[in-house]
N, C-alpha and C. Protein backbone atom coordinates (compact mmCIF):
# COMPACT_ATOMS: atom_id res chain seq x y z
N UNK A 1 -0.40 15.13 -13.62
CA UNK A 1 -1.52 15.53 -14.06
C UNK A 1 -2.24 16.09 -12.94
N UNK A 2 -3.08 17.11 -12.77
CA UNK A 2 -3.21 17.85 -11.23
C UNK A 2 -4.42 17.25 -10.90
N UNK A 3 -5.34 16.22 -11.58
CA UNK A 3 -6.35 16.14 -10.97
C UNK A 3 -5.75 14.42 -10.04
N UNK A 4 -4.62 13.65 -10.09
CA UNK A 4 -4.36 12.93 -9.26
C UNK A 4 -4.00 13.58 -7.89
N UNK A 5 -3.40 14.49 -7.77
CA UNK A 5 -3.15 15.31 -6.66
C UNK A 5 -4.44 15.75 -5.85
N UNK A 6 -5.59 15.49 -6.32
CA UNK A 6 -7.06 15.96 -5.46
C UNK A 6 -7.32 14.89 -4.29
N UNK A 7 -7.75 15.66 -3.26
CA UNK A 7 -7.89 14.44 -2.16
C UNK A 7 -8.97 13.36 -2.69
N UNK A 8 -9.24 12.11 -2.28
CA UNK A 8 -10.14 11.18 -2.88
C UNK A 8 -11.73 11.51 -2.49
N UNK A 9 -12.03 12.38 -1.56
CA UNK A 9 -13.45 12.77 -1.25
C UNK A 9 -13.64 14.04 -2.17
N UNK A 10 -12.83 14.71 -2.68
CA UNK A 10 -13.09 15.84 -3.50
C UNK A 10 -14.27 15.46 -4.69
N UNK A 11 -14.96 16.34 -5.08
CA UNK A 11 -16.24 16.08 -5.90
C UNK A 11 -15.50 15.84 -7.31
N UNK A 12 -14.65 16.29 -7.62
CA UNK A 12 -14.09 15.63 -9.02
C UNK A 12 -13.89 14.34 -8.77
N UNK A 13 -13.02 13.76 -7.88
CA UNK A 13 -12.59 12.14 -7.77
C UNK A 13 -14.01 11.50 -7.67
N UNK A 14 -14.75 11.85 -6.75
CA UNK A 14 -16.11 11.36 -6.32
C UNK A 14 -16.85 11.19 -7.84
N UNK A 15 -16.83 11.98 -8.50
CA UNK A 15 -17.44 11.89 -10.04
C UNK A 15 -17.04 10.95 -10.85
N UNK A 16 -15.67 11.07 -10.72
CA UNK A 16 -14.86 10.27 -11.73
C UNK A 16 -15.06 8.64 -11.25
N UNK A 17 -14.93 8.42 -9.99
CA UNK A 17 -15.65 7.36 -9.42
C UNK A 17 -16.82 6.77 -9.76
N UNK A 18 -17.98 7.65 -9.37
CA UNK A 18 -19.27 7.35 -9.72
C UNK A 18 -19.37 7.04 -11.35
N UNK A 19 -18.41 7.76 -12.39
CA UNK A 19 -18.90 7.20 -13.56
C UNK A 19 -18.10 6.01 -14.07
N UNK A 20 -17.47 5.15 -13.30
CA UNK A 20 -16.79 3.86 -13.56
C UNK A 20 -17.66 2.47 -13.32
N UNK A 21 -17.79 1.82 -14.11
CA UNK A 21 -18.50 0.74 -13.98
C UNK A 21 -18.16 -0.18 -12.97
N UNK A 22 -18.78 -1.43 -12.98
CA UNK A 22 -18.80 -2.18 -11.85
C UNK A 22 -17.13 -2.81 -12.04
N UNK A 23 -16.92 -3.32 -13.27
CA UNK A 23 -15.63 -4.01 -13.59
C UNK A 23 -14.34 -2.88 -13.40
N UNK A 24 -14.61 -1.81 -13.66
CA UNK A 24 -13.42 -0.69 -13.27
C UNK A 24 -13.15 -0.70 -11.92
N UNK A 25 -14.25 -0.51 -11.34
CA UNK A 25 -14.24 -0.58 -9.49
C UNK A 25 -13.54 -1.31 -9.18
N UNK A 26 -13.92 -2.87 -9.25
CA UNK A 26 -13.06 -3.82 -8.99
C UNK A 26 -11.79 -4.08 -9.18
N UNK A 27 -11.48 -3.60 -10.64
CA UNK A 27 -9.88 -3.63 -10.72
C UNK A 27 -9.06 -2.53 -9.77
N UNK A 28 -9.91 -1.34 -9.61
CA UNK A 28 -9.24 -0.58 -8.97
C UNK A 28 -9.03 -0.86 -7.60
N UNK A 29 -10.16 -1.53 -6.87
CA UNK A 29 -10.03 -2.33 -5.51
C UNK A 29 -8.91 -3.25 -5.23
N UNK A 30 -8.94 -4.01 -6.61
CA UNK A 30 -7.74 -5.31 -6.28
C UNK A 30 -6.29 -4.55 -6.66
N UNK A 31 -6.23 -3.42 -7.29
CA UNK A 31 -4.65 -2.91 -7.52
C UNK A 31 -4.41 -1.41 -6.50
N UNK A 32 -5.52 -1.54 -5.58
CA UNK A 32 -5.25 -0.22 -4.67
C UNK A 32 -3.78 -0.68 -3.98
N UNK A 33 -3.28 0.53 -3.78
CA UNK A 33 -1.97 0.72 -2.79
C UNK A 33 -2.25 1.84 -1.98
N UNK A 34 -2.90 1.33 -0.56
CA UNK A 34 -3.15 2.72 0.27
C UNK A 34 -1.74 3.24 0.52
N UNK A 35 -0.78 2.36 0.87
CA UNK A 35 0.55 2.82 1.34
C UNK A 35 1.13 3.54 0.47
N UNK A 36 0.74 4.07 -1.00
CA UNK A 36 1.60 5.12 -1.79
C UNK A 36 0.62 6.36 -1.94
N UNK A 37 -0.44 6.25 -1.00
CA UNK A 37 -1.38 7.37 -0.98
C UNK A 37 -1.12 8.32 -0.29
N UNK A 38 -1.55 9.62 0.14
CA UNK A 38 -1.60 10.58 0.90
C UNK A 38 -2.74 10.46 1.77
N UNK A 39 -2.22 10.27 3.02
CA UNK A 39 -3.56 10.33 4.02
C UNK A 39 -3.15 11.83 5.16
N UNK A 40 -4.64 12.09 5.57
CA UNK A 40 -4.66 13.31 6.30
C UNK A 40 -4.03 12.69 7.60
N UNK A 41 -4.45 13.46 8.74
CA UNK A 41 -4.08 13.15 10.05
C UNK A 41 -5.26 12.64 10.25
N UNK A 42 -6.17 12.84 10.14
CA UNK A 42 -7.71 12.13 10.53
C UNK A 42 -7.86 11.01 9.89
N UNK A 43 -7.12 10.94 8.81
CA UNK A 43 -7.70 9.23 8.03
C UNK A 43 -6.46 8.36 8.93
N UNK A 44 -5.21 9.02 9.55
CA UNK A 44 -4.45 8.34 10.01
C UNK A 44 -4.98 7.82 11.52
N UNK A 45 -5.62 8.62 12.32
CA UNK A 45 -6.31 8.38 13.15
C UNK A 45 -7.24 7.61 13.39
N UNK A 46 -8.23 7.48 12.23
CA UNK A 46 -9.19 6.84 12.16
C UNK A 46 -8.81 5.11 11.55
N UNK A 47 -7.96 5.08 11.12
CA UNK A 47 -7.17 3.96 10.77
C UNK A 47 -6.65 3.34 11.87
N UNK A 48 -6.05 3.98 13.17
CA UNK A 48 -5.20 3.75 14.06
C UNK A 48 -6.46 3.31 14.98
N UNK A 49 -7.54 3.75 15.21
CA UNK A 49 -8.67 3.44 16.08
C UNK A 49 -9.35 2.13 15.46
N UNK A 50 -9.42 2.00 14.32
CA UNK A 50 -10.13 0.73 13.51
C UNK A 50 -8.91 -0.48 14.13
N UNK A 51 -7.71 -0.36 13.62
CA UNK A 51 -6.58 -1.38 14.39
C UNK A 51 -6.77 -1.61 15.97
N UNK A 52 -7.15 -0.69 16.75
CA UNK A 52 -7.01 -0.76 18.26
C UNK A 52 -8.30 -1.19 18.53
N UNK A 53 -9.30 -1.15 18.00
CA UNK A 53 -10.88 -2.15 18.07
C UNK A 53 -10.64 -3.13 17.58
N UNK A 54 -10.16 -3.75 16.27
CA UNK A 54 -9.94 -4.69 15.82
C UNK A 54 -9.11 -5.76 17.13
N UNK A 55 -7.77 -4.90 17.65
CA UNK A 55 -7.17 -5.74 18.44
C UNK A 55 -8.02 -6.13 19.77
N UNK A 56 -8.99 -5.16 20.32
CA UNK A 56 -9.43 -5.26 21.41
C UNK A 56 -10.41 -6.60 21.16
N UNK A 57 -11.40 -6.46 19.97
CA UNK A 57 -12.15 -7.73 19.68
C UNK A 57 -11.12 -8.87 19.74
N UNK A 58 -10.24 -8.83 19.11
CA UNK A 58 -9.25 -10.43 18.97
C UNK A 58 -9.23 -10.72 20.73
N UNK A 59 -8.57 -9.81 21.42
CA UNK A 59 -8.34 -10.39 22.64
C UNK A 59 -9.61 -10.60 23.52
N UNK A 60 -10.76 -10.19 23.16
CA UNK A 60 -11.98 -10.44 23.87
C UNK A 60 -12.20 -11.92 23.56
N UNK A 61 -12.33 -12.17 22.33
CA UNK A 61 -12.52 -13.68 21.82
C UNK A 61 -11.62 -14.70 22.43
N UNK A 62 -10.13 -14.26 22.26
CA UNK A 62 -9.52 -15.05 23.01
C UNK A 62 -9.56 -15.36 24.20
N UNK A 63 -9.76 -14.40 24.80
CA UNK A 63 -10.19 -14.36 26.52
C UNK A 63 -11.22 -15.39 26.61
N UNK A 64 -12.46 -15.65 25.67
CA UNK A 64 -13.48 -16.15 26.07
C UNK A 64 -13.53 -17.49 25.00
N UNK A 65 -12.28 -18.00 24.82
CA UNK A 65 -12.24 -19.05 23.90
C UNK A 65 -11.73 -20.32 24.81
N UNK A 66 -12.28 -21.37 24.67
CA UNK A 66 -11.53 -22.50 25.47
C UNK A 66 -10.04 -22.45 25.29
N UNK A 67 -9.42 -22.99 26.18
CA UNK A 67 -7.85 -23.09 26.09
C UNK A 67 -7.51 -24.03 25.08
N UNK A 68 -8.33 -25.41 24.90
CA UNK A 68 -7.72 -25.95 23.86
C UNK A 68 -8.50 -25.92 22.65
N UNK A 69 -9.22 -25.03 22.30
CA UNK A 69 -9.84 -24.71 21.11
C UNK A 69 -8.90 -23.61 20.30
N UNK A 70 -9.11 -23.62 19.03
CA UNK A 70 -8.51 -22.67 17.82
C UNK A 70 -8.43 -21.39 18.18
N UNK A 71 -7.82 -20.48 18.34
CA UNK A 71 -8.08 -19.13 18.06
C UNK A 71 -8.00 -18.75 17.07
N UNK A 72 -8.45 -17.67 16.97
CA UNK A 72 -8.93 -16.71 15.56
C UNK A 72 -7.23 -15.83 15.19
N UNK A 73 -7.08 -15.80 14.21
CA UNK A 73 -5.64 -15.06 13.69
C UNK A 73 -5.74 -13.60 14.18
N UNK A 74 -4.52 -13.04 14.76
CA UNK A 74 -4.66 -11.71 15.08
C UNK A 74 -4.97 -10.72 13.62
N UNK A 75 -5.62 -9.85 14.20
CA UNK A 75 -6.02 -8.81 12.88
C UNK A 75 -4.88 -8.12 12.35
N UNK A 76 -5.23 -8.05 11.04
CA UNK A 76 -4.08 -7.39 10.18
C UNK A 76 -4.28 -5.95 10.24
N UNK A 77 -3.29 -4.85 10.38
CA UNK A 77 -3.43 -3.39 10.75
C UNK A 77 -4.22 -3.26 9.43
N UNK A 78 -4.57 -1.74 9.14
CA UNK A 78 -4.91 -1.35 7.70
C UNK A 78 -3.40 -0.80 7.34
N UNK A 79 -3.48 -1.09 6.00
CA UNK A 79 -2.28 -0.59 5.44
C UNK A 79 -2.10 1.16 5.46
N UNK A 80 -1.26 1.35 5.60
CA UNK A 80 -1.01 3.08 5.67
C UNK A 80 0.03 3.58 4.71
N UNK A 81 0.05 4.86 3.98
CA UNK A 81 1.04 5.39 3.41
C UNK A 81 2.42 5.14 3.76
N UNK A 82 3.46 4.58 3.33
CA UNK A 82 4.79 4.58 3.57
C UNK A 82 4.96 3.44 4.01
N UNK A 83 4.25 2.45 4.50
CA UNK A 83 4.20 1.40 5.01
C UNK A 83 4.01 0.27 4.16
N UNK A 84 4.87 -0.82 3.94
CA UNK A 84 4.97 -2.01 2.87
C UNK A 84 3.80 -3.08 4.00
N UNK A 85 3.13 -3.87 3.09
CA UNK A 85 2.21 -4.59 3.88
C UNK A 85 3.61 -5.62 4.61
N UNK A 86 2.80 -6.11 6.11
CA UNK A 86 3.53 -6.93 6.54
C UNK A 86 3.63 -8.32 6.33
N UNK A 87 5.07 -8.83 6.38
CA UNK A 87 4.92 -10.12 5.76
C UNK A 87 4.44 -11.15 6.63
N UNK A 88 4.17 -12.77 6.06
CA UNK A 88 3.61 -13.51 7.17
C UNK A 88 5.22 -14.17 7.83
N UNK A 89 5.22 -14.27 8.92
CA UNK A 89 6.46 -15.33 9.38
C UNK A 89 6.24 -16.27 8.97
N UNK A 90 7.57 -17.12 8.48
CA UNK A 90 8.13 -17.97 8.02
C UNK A 90 7.61 -19.62 9.00
N UNK A 91 6.87 -20.18 8.87
CA UNK A 91 6.59 -21.44 9.38
C UNK A 91 7.62 -22.50 9.36
N UNK A 92 7.96 -23.18 10.32
CA UNK A 92 9.03 -24.07 10.51
C UNK A 92 8.35 -25.54 9.95
N UNK A 93 8.91 -26.20 8.80
CA UNK A 93 8.16 -27.19 8.42
C UNK A 93 8.76 -28.83 8.90
N UNK A 94 8.32 -29.70 8.98
CA UNK A 94 8.61 -30.59 9.76
C UNK A 94 10.22 -31.16 9.47
N UNK A 95 10.53 -31.05 8.11
CA UNK A 95 11.73 -31.30 7.64
C UNK A 95 12.84 -30.37 8.05
N UNK A 96 12.48 -29.21 8.06
CA UNK A 96 13.41 -28.08 8.74
C UNK A 96 13.18 -28.45 10.28
N UNK A 97 12.47 -28.70 10.77
CA UNK A 97 12.55 -28.89 12.56
C UNK A 97 13.64 -30.16 12.69
N UNK A 98 13.38 -31.25 12.14
CA UNK A 98 14.25 -31.97 11.85
C UNK A 98 15.89 -32.07 11.82
N UNK A 99 15.79 -31.07 10.92
CA UNK A 99 17.38 -30.58 10.55
C UNK A 99 18.17 -29.92 11.53
N UNK A 100 17.00 -28.66 12.12
CA UNK A 100 17.84 -28.03 13.02
C UNK A 100 17.77 -29.13 14.45
N UNK A 101 16.82 -29.77 14.75
CA UNK A 101 17.17 -30.70 15.89
C UNK A 101 18.65 -31.37 15.58
N UNK A 102 18.94 -31.76 14.18
CA UNK A 102 20.23 -32.72 14.22
C UNK A 102 21.22 -31.66 14.18
N UNK A 103 20.86 -30.00 13.79
CA UNK A 103 22.23 -29.32 14.09
C UNK A 103 22.48 -28.86 15.56
N UNK A 104 21.48 -28.72 16.18
CA UNK A 104 21.71 -28.60 17.56
C UNK A 104 22.42 -29.66 18.72
N UNK A 105 21.87 -30.54 17.97
CA UNK A 105 22.32 -31.91 18.97
C UNK A 105 23.48 -32.38 18.26
N UNK A 106 24.62 -31.68 17.45
CA UNK A 106 26.01 -31.66 17.16
C UNK A 106 25.95 -32.80 15.62
N UNK A 107 24.79 -33.03 15.20
CA UNK A 107 24.81 -33.89 14.00
C UNK A 107 24.63 -33.14 12.69
N UNK A 108 25.90 -32.63 12.08
CA UNK A 108 26.00 -31.70 11.23
C UNK A 108 25.84 -32.34 9.74
N UNK A 109 25.52 -33.92 9.91
CA UNK A 109 25.75 -34.59 8.37
C UNK A 109 24.52 -34.40 7.61
């Protein structure tokens, strides 16, 4: 469909969005996949600026937090076209740590 290739800020797409009820908008927001959309260079630069600003804020908070206090999680970058969401790093469980310790120390039992 030709309408699908219009930019999101076009008058047609804006009118379609304005015609949606709250439930439809919520569904669209939940199912949105920005990594599959087309972004202009301006949108790419704006996302980069937002990510860098979030990183600066994070570093500032960390620098002004007491050493023994819990630090905030690092900011998650804005999803971009062609890039899948980042996966969270796997956490080593207590059982896994014990097994790893045994393997390192020669106990493969």
